[in-house]
């Protein structure tokens, strides 16, 4: 078992509400390891309708 620091940018779906954001981020982090601590460090909203919303997440993951 080891600990890994990651910084990832995630495109999150337009139909995802802010209330569902926490569980969605955790599910995305679980794909890479077990999240020990994590934080959203920035959110980038689209300027035009063509661009996805992005959230930047820094996390400490436990890798088994």
C-alpha atoms as a PDB file:
ATOM      1  CA  UNK A   1       0.000   0.000   0.000  1.00  0.00           C
ATOM      2  CA  UNK A   2       1.297   3.464  -0.891  1.00  0.00           C
ATOM      3  CA  UNK A   3       0.103   7.072  -0.891  1.00  0.00           C
ATOM      4  CA  UNK A   4       0.045   9.176  -4.049  1.00  0.00           C
ATOM      5  CA  UNK A   5      -0.618  12.893  -4.583  1.00  0.00           C
ATOM      6  CA  UNK A   6      -2.562  13.636  -7.776  1.00  0.00           C
ATOM      7  CA  UNK A   7      -3.788  16.776  -9.480  1.00  0.00           C
ATOM      8  CA  UNK A   8      -6.434  16.135 -12.129  1.00  0.00           C
ATOM      9  CA  UNK A   9      -8.752  18.153 -14.337  1.00  0.00           C
ATOM     10  CA  UNK A  10     -12.183  16.640 -14.797  1.00  0.00           C
ATOM     11  CA  UNK A  11     -14.819  17.601 -17.350  1.00  0.00           C
ATOM     12  CA  UNK A  12     -18.119  17.305 -15.579  1.00  0.00           C
ATOM     13  CA  UNK A  13     -21.450  16.770 -17.329  1.00  0.00           C
ATOM     14  CA  UNK A  14     -23.827  19.674 -17.867  1.00  0.00           C
ATOM     15  CA  UNK A  15     -26.684  17.785 -16.223  1.00  0.00           C
ATOM     16  CA  UNK A  16     -24.700  17.301 -12.998  1.00  0.00           C
ATOM     17  CA  UNK A  17     -26.019  19.551 -10.248  1.00  0.00           C
ATOM     18  CA  UNK A  18     -23.810  21.199  -7.667  1.00  0.00           C
ATOM     19  CA  UNK A  19     -25.448  18.972  -5.030  1.00  0.00           C
ATOM     20  CA  UNK A  20     -24.203  15.873  -6.861  1.00  0.00           C
ATOM     21  CA  UNK A  21     -20.706  17.231  -7.471  1.00  0.00           C
ATOM     22  CA  UNK A  22     -19.148  15.740  -4.308  1.00  0.00           C
ATOM     23  CA  UNK A  23     -20.269  12.166  -4.983  1.00  0.00           C
ATOM     24  CA  UNK A  24     -19.289  12.472  -8.658  1.00  0.00           C
ATOM     25  CA  UNK A  25     -15.758  13.676  -7.791  1.00  0.00           C
ATOM     26  CA  UNK A  26     -15.311  10.829  -5.289  1.00  0.00           C
ATOM     27  CA  UNK A  27     -16.460   8.290  -7.879  1.00  0.00           C
ATOM     28  CA  UNK A  28     -13.935   9.700 -10.381  1.00  0.00           C
ATOM     29  CA  UNK A  29     -11.138   9.533  -7.795  1.00  0.00           C
ATOM     30  CA  UNK A  30     -12.054   5.958  -6.876  1.00  0.00           C
ATOM     31  CA  UNK A  31     -11.044   4.944 -10.409  1.00  0.00           C
ATOM     32  CA  UNK A  32      -7.431   5.781  -9.509  1.00  0.00           C
ATOM     33  CA  UNK A  33      -7.306   4.779  -5.845  1.00  0.00           C
ATOM     34  CA  UNK A  34      -9.008   5.274  -2.507  1.00  0.00           C
ATOM     35  CA  UNK A  35      -9.299   8.996  -1.712  1.00  0.00           C
ATOM     36  CA  UNK A  36      -7.835   9.888   1.679  1.00  0.00           C
ATOM     37  CA  UNK A  37      -8.216  13.668   1.291  1.00  0.00           C
ATOM     38  CA  UNK A  38      -9.230  15.773  -1.649  1.00  0.00           C
ATOM     39  CA  UNK A  39     -10.135  19.341  -2.549  1.00  0.00           C
ATOM     40  CA  UNK A  40     -11.567  21.220  -5.497  1.00  0.00           C
ATOM     41  CA  UNK A  41      -9.002  23.908  -6.212  1.00  0.00           C
ATOM     42  CA  UNK A  42     -10.705  25.597  -9.167  1.00  0.00           C
ATOM     43  CA  UNK A  43     -13.756  25.473 -11.401  1.00  0.00           C
ATOM     44  CA  UNK A  44     -13.648  26.694 -14.974  1.00  0.00           C
ATOM     45  CA  UNK A  45     -17.004  27.546 -16.496  1.00  0.00           C
ATOM     46  CA  UNK A  46     -17.459  27.558 -20.268  1.00  0.00           C
ATOM     47  CA  UNK A  47     -17.224  30.844 -22.117  1.00  0.00           C
ATOM     48  CA  UNK A  48     -19.254  29.510 -25.042  1.00  0.00           C
ATOM     49  CA  UNK A  49     -21.727  26.647 -25.142  1.00  0.00           C
ATOM     50  CA  UNK A  50     -19.161  24.469 -26.934  1.00  0.00           C
ATOM     51  CA  UNK A  51     -16.861  24.004 -23.947  1.00  0.00           C
ATOM     52  CA  UNK A  52     -17.268  21.626 -21.029  1.00  0.00           C
ATOM     53  CA  UNK A  53     -17.129  22.729 -17.436  1.00  0.00           C
ATOM     54  CA  UNK A  54     -13.886  21.694 -15.772  1.00  0.00           C
ATOM     55  CA  UNK A  55     -13.069  21.146 -12.151  1.00  0.00           C
ATOM     56  CA  UNK A  56      -9.490  20.886 -10.885  1.00  0.00           C
ATOM     57  CA  UNK A  57      -9.037  18.442  -8.027  1.00  0.00           C
ATOM     58  CA  UNK A  58      -6.008  17.781  -5.835  1.00  0.00           C
ATOM     59  CA  UNK A  59      -6.159  14.532  -3.920  1.00  0.00           C
ATOM     60  CA  UNK A  60      -4.157  12.148  -1.792  1.00  0.00           C
ATOM     61  CA  UNK A  61      -4.986   8.603  -2.825  1.00  0.00           C
ATOM     62  CA  UNK A  62      -4.246   5.280  -1.189  1.00  0.00           C
ATOM     63  CA  UNK A  63      -3.074   2.830  -3.852  1.00  0.00           C
ATOM     64  CA  UNK A  64      -3.478  -0.843  -2.921  1.00  0.00           C
END
